Protein backbone atom coordinates (compact mmCIF):
# COMPACT_ATOMS: atom_id res chain seq x y z
CA UNK A 1 -86.83 -23.50 -46.41
CA UNK A 2 -85.74 -20.08 -44.72
CA UNK A 3 -83.24 -17.74 -46.15
CA UNK A 4 -79.79 -17.77 -44.61
CA UNK A 5 -76.96 -15.59 -43.84
CA UNK A 6 -75.54 -17.03 -47.16
CA UNK A 7 -78.15 -14.52 -49.16
CA UNK A 8 -76.62 -11.24 -50.44
CA UNK A 9 -77.72 -8.64 -48.24
CA UNK A 10 -80.06 -6.13 -49.78
CA UNK A 11 -81.83 -5.00 -46.76
CA UNK A 12 -80.88 -1.15 -46.46
CA UNK A 13 -82.70 -1.05 -42.85
CA UNK A 14 -79.90 -2.99 -41.45
CA UNK A 15 -76.79 -1.25 -40.02
CA UNK A 16 -73.63 -1.13 -41.57
CA UNK A 17 -72.05 -3.31 -39.07
CA UNK A 18 -74.66 -6.10 -39.20
CA UNK A 19 -74.51 -5.75 -43.18
CA UNK A 20 -70.78 -6.24 -43.20
CA UNK A 21 -71.30 -9.44 -40.65
CA UNK A 22 -73.64 -10.83 -43.30
CA UNK A 23 -71.87 -10.10 -46.19
CA UNK A 24 -68.44 -11.28 -44.77
CA UNK A 25 -70.07 -14.52 -43.55
CA UNK A 26 -71.17 -15.13 -47.09
CA UNK A 27 -67.56 -14.34 -48.41
CA UNK A 28 -65.74 -16.38 -45.83
CA UNK A 29 -68.00 -19.36 -46.09
CA UNK A 30 -67.17 -19.16 -50.07
CA UNK A 31 -63.77 -18.71 -50.01
CA UNK A 32 -62.06 -18.99 -46.74
CA UNK A 33 -60.52 -16.55 -44.80
CA UNK A 34 -57.68 -16.45 -46.93
CA UNK A 35 -59.35 -16.13 -50.18
CA UNK A 36 -61.82 -13.59 -49.11
CA UNK A 37 -62.01 -10.59 -50.64
CA UNK A 38 -62.83 -7.10 -48.61
CA UNK A 39 -63.74 -5.28 -51.47
CA UNK A 40 -66.62 -8.07 -52.35
CA UNK A 41 -67.76 -7.71 -48.96
CA UNK A 42 -67.82 -4.10 -48.86
CA UNK A 43 -69.62 -3.83 -52.37
CA UNK A 44 -72.47 -6.65 -50.99
CA UNK A 45 -72.52 -4.56 -47.51
CA UNK A 46 -73.19 -1.48 -49.31
CA UNK A 47 -70.58 0.48 -47.75
CA UNK A 48 -66.87 1.55 -47.68
CA UNK A 49 -64.14 -0.15 -47.07
CA UNK A 50 -63.37 2.44 -43.98
CA UNK A 51 -66.28 0.61 -41.99
CA UNK A 52 -64.49 -2.57 -41.76
CA UNK A 53 -61.66 -0.78 -40.07
CA UNK A 54 -63.76 1.38 -37.89
CA UNK A 55 -65.95 -1.82 -36.78
CA UNK A 56 -63.74 -4.45 -36.74
CA UNK A 57 -59.98 -3.35 -36.87
CA UNK A 58 -59.08 -5.36 -40.18
CA UNK A 59 -60.22 -8.32 -42.08
CA UNK A 60 -59.09 -10.83 -39.39
CA UNK A 61 -61.36 -9.10 -37.09
CA UNK A 62 -64.10 -9.15 -39.11
CA UNK A 63 -63.90 -13.00 -39.68
CA UNK A 64 -63.48 -13.56 -35.85
CA UNK A 65 -66.61 -11.15 -35.50
CA UNK A 66 -68.34 -13.21 -38.08
CA UNK A 67 -67.62 -16.70 -36.00
CA UNK A 68 -69.09 -14.81 -32.68
CA UNK A 69 -72.05 -14.05 -34.36
CA UNK A 70 -72.95 -17.31 -35.48
CA UNK A 71 -72.14 -19.05 -32.30
CA UNK A 72 -73.97 -16.37 -30.98
CA UNK A 73 -77.22 -16.82 -33.23
CA UNK A 74 -77.18 -20.64 -32.09
CA UNK A 75 -76.66 -20.42 -28.40
CA UNK A 76 -79.42 -17.62 -28.17
CA UNK A 77 -81.91 -20.09 -30.06
CA UNK A 78 -80.98 -22.98 -28.10
CA UNK A 79 -81.52 -20.93 -25.06
CA UNK A 80 -84.98 -19.44 -26.01
CA UNK A 81 -86.24 -22.99 -26.81
CA UNK A 82 -89.41 -23.95 -25.10
CA UNK A 83 -88.51 -27.63 -24.65
CA UNK A 84 -85.76 -27.32 -21.44
CA UNK A 85 -88.68 -27.87 -18.92
CA UNK A 86 -90.45 -30.65 -20.39
CA UNK A 87 -89.87 -34.26 -19.57
CA UNK A 88 -86.15 -35.49 -20.13
CA UNK A 89 -87.14 -37.84 -23.30
CA UNK A 90 -89.09 -35.21 -24.49
CA UNK A 91 -86.38 -32.43 -23.86
CA UNK A 92 -83.54 -34.35 -25.39
CA UNK A 93 -85.83 -35.73 -28.60
CA UNK A 94 -86.83 -31.75 -29.04
CA UNK A 95 -83.16 -31.09 -28.69
CA UNK A 96 -82.10 -33.27 -31.42
CA UNK A 97 -85.02 -31.90 -33.66
CA UNK A 98 -84.04 -28.65 -33.35
CA UNK A 99 -80.08 -29.30 -33.79
CA UNK A 100 -81.25 -30.96 -36.78
CA UNK A 101 -83.62 -28.07 -38.03
CA UNK A 102 -81.12 -25.27 -37.31
CA UNK A 103 -78.01 -27.19 -39.32
CA UNK A 104 -80.41 -27.39 -42.27
CA UNK A 105 -81.52 -24.12 -42.18
CA UNK A 106 -78.29 -22.17 -41.46
CA UNK A 107 -75.57 -23.73 -43.81
CA UNK A 108 -73.61 -20.69 -42.98
CA UNK A 109 -72.71 -22.16 -39.42
CA UNK A 110 -71.56 -25.36 -40.75
CA UNK A 111 -69.85 -23.06 -43.79
CA UNK A 112 -67.92 -20.90 -41.05
CA UNK A 113 -67.12 -24.27 -38.69
CA UNK A 114 -65.61 -25.99 -41.81
CA UNK A 115 -63.54 -23.00 -42.94
CA UNK A 116 -62.02 -22.63 -39.22
CA UNK A 117 -61.46 -26.31 -39.21
CA UNK A 118 -59.45 -26.17 -42.14
CA UNK A 119 -57.39 -23.88 -40.39
CA UNK A 120 -56.72 -25.75 -37.23
CA UNK A 121 -59.22 -23.95 -34.92
CA UNK A 122 -56.87 -20.93 -34.47
CA UNK A 123 -58.92 -18.02 -34.80
CA UNK A 124 -62.06 -19.63 -32.84
CA UNK A 125 -59.92 -19.85 -29.89
CA UNK A 126 -59.49 -15.99 -29.84
CA UNK A 127 -63.53 -15.56 -29.49
CA UNK A 128 -63.76 -15.28 -25.77
CA UNK A 129 -67.19 -16.14 -25.53
CA UNK A 130 -67.29 -19.44 -27.39
CA UNK A 131 -66.47 -21.63 -24.55
CA UNK A 132 -68.60 -19.63 -21.95
CA UNK A 133 -71.69 -19.78 -24.42
CA UNK A 134 -71.25 -23.62 -24.46
CA UNK A 135 -70.89 -24.34 -21.18
CA UNK A 136 -74.47 -22.56 -20.67
CA UNK A 137 -75.76 -24.90 -23.37
CA UNK A 138 -74.31 -27.98 -21.29
CA UNK A 139 -75.57 -26.87 -18.16
CA UNK A 140 -79.01 -26.96 -19.23
CA UNK A 141 -78.34 -30.73 -20.60
CA UNK A 142 -76.65 -31.37 -17.61
CA UNK A 143 -79.89 -30.64 -15.63
CA UNK A 144 -82.11 -32.51 -18.00
CA UNK A 145 -79.60 -35.71 -17.71
CA UNK A 146 -79.52 -35.89 -14.08
CA UNK A 147 -83.48 -35.43 -13.96
CA UNK A 148 -83.68 -38.66 -16.40
CA UNK A 149 -81.04 -40.60 -14.41
CA UNK A 150 -82.97 -39.90 -11.37
CA UNK A 151 -86.60 -40.89 -12.69
CA UNK A 152 -85.36 -43.73 -14.75
CA UNK A 153 -86.02 -42.37 -18.02
CA UNK A 154 -82.29 -42.84 -18.84
CA UNK A 155 -80.11 -45.84 -17.99
CA UNK A 156 -76.79 -44.02 -18.38
CA UNK A 157 -75.49 -40.25 -17.58
CA UNK A 158 -73.18 -39.09 -20.58
CA UNK A 159 -71.00 -36.32 -20.57
CA UNK A 160 -73.05 -33.68 -21.98
CA UNK A 161 -70.62 -32.31 -24.04
CA UNK A 162 -69.93 -35.88 -25.53
CA UNK A 163 -73.71 -36.36 -25.94
CA UNK A 164 -73.95 -32.81 -27.88
CA UNK A 165 -71.11 -34.06 -30.07
CA UNK A 166 -72.73 -37.37 -31.05
CA UNK A 167 -76.10 -35.00 -31.65
CA UNK A 168 -74.18 -32.69 -33.84
CA UNK A 169 -72.77 -35.12 -35.81
CA UNK A 170 -75.72 -37.10 -36.67
CA UNK A 171 -77.59 -34.14 -37.32
CA UNK A 172 -74.82 -32.82 -39.80
CA UNK A 173 -73.19 -35.64 -41.86
CA UNK A 174 -76.04 -35.82 -44.24
CA UNK A 175 -75.51 -32.41 -45.15
CA UNK A 176 -71.57 -32.09 -45.11
CA UNK A 177 -71.29 -35.17 -47.24
CA UNK A 178 -74.58 -34.40 -49.21
CA UNK A 179 -72.88 -34.50 -52.74
CA UNK A 180 -70.82 -37.63 -52.02
CA UNK A 181 -73.21 -39.84 -50.23
CA UNK A 182 -75.96 -39.16 -53.01
CA UNK A 183 -73.95 -40.89 -55.06
CA UNK A 184 -73.11 -43.70 -52.61
CA UNK A 185 -76.68 -43.73 -51.82
CA UNK A 186 -78.42 -43.30 -55.07
CA UNK A 187 -80.86 -40.78 -53.23
CA UNK A 188 -81.62 -37.41 -52.94
CA UNK A 189 -80.49 -36.28 -49.43
CA UNK A 190 -81.82 -32.80 -49.48
CA UNK A 191 -85.55 -34.26 -50.13
CA UNK A 192 -88.26 -33.74 -47.57
CA UNK A 193 -89.29 -37.27 -47.49
CA UNK A 194 -85.41 -38.28 -46.42
CA UNK A 195 -85.03 -35.39 -44.08
CA UNK A 196 -88.03 -36.24 -42.34
CA UNK A 197 -87.07 -39.87 -41.83
CA UNK A 198 -83.65 -39.02 -41.06
CA UNK A 199 -84.83 -36.46 -38.24
CA UNK A 200 -86.86 -39.20 -36.50
CA UNK A 201 -84.27 -41.74 -36.88
CA UNK A 202 -81.66 -39.41 -35.01
CA UNK A 203 -83.87 -39.17 -32.25
CA UNK A 204 -84.51 -42.73 -32.31
CA UNK A 205 -80.60 -43.29 -32.14
CA UNK A 206 -79.97 -40.78 -29.36
CA UNK A 207 -82.94 -41.91 -27.04
CA UNK A 208 -81.82 -45.30 -27.45
CA UNK A 209 -78.35 -44.92 -26.56
CA UNK A 210 -79.55 -43.02 -23.14
CA UNK A 211 -81.98 -45.62 -22.35
CA UNK A 212 -79.48 -48.66 -22.43
CA UNK A 213 -79.32 -50.09 -18.85
CA UNK A 214 -82.80 -48.51 -17.89
CA UNK A 215 -85.52 -50.37 -15.86
């Protein structure tokens, strides 16, 4: 598995601002906004506390910048994916696989979302471009869904946001609840065999839901 932004930053070639975002993300994921320590963040970022105030204004500004960065990285990766012009069934299947892999490889994204949901999402609402970037994703999904309905690949045309919610839920529940469900199921939910089978199972579930009613 590739390294994630939860890793302690040790690349001095990174700019100070980026090192603060990497270190801040790790600290906020571990301890939440209230429990996060600015001194720990600046030590990990190999800078001094003045840089936090210079780039972000304060701790809250850094936290919101970490949220914006997490969403930006996800949306940019989605936009740069090469499956959007594939036939509709293939495009949706690859979107599911992409989402499954991204969430597995970037636990910091789910970590930040968990922290923010515990705060009732009050800070993400202040990040101006989160909704705009999601609209771009839904626009691409709408194009695929419309084409699939027209050519008979899909038997129904769900709302893109609702479909993405289903995809995201199915692609993250085994991660978010891994420790408890490992006990319930009596198996390792992080094993390559489980993850490979689960990935294709989620693809099948989503495609089957879209094909209901197709000729």
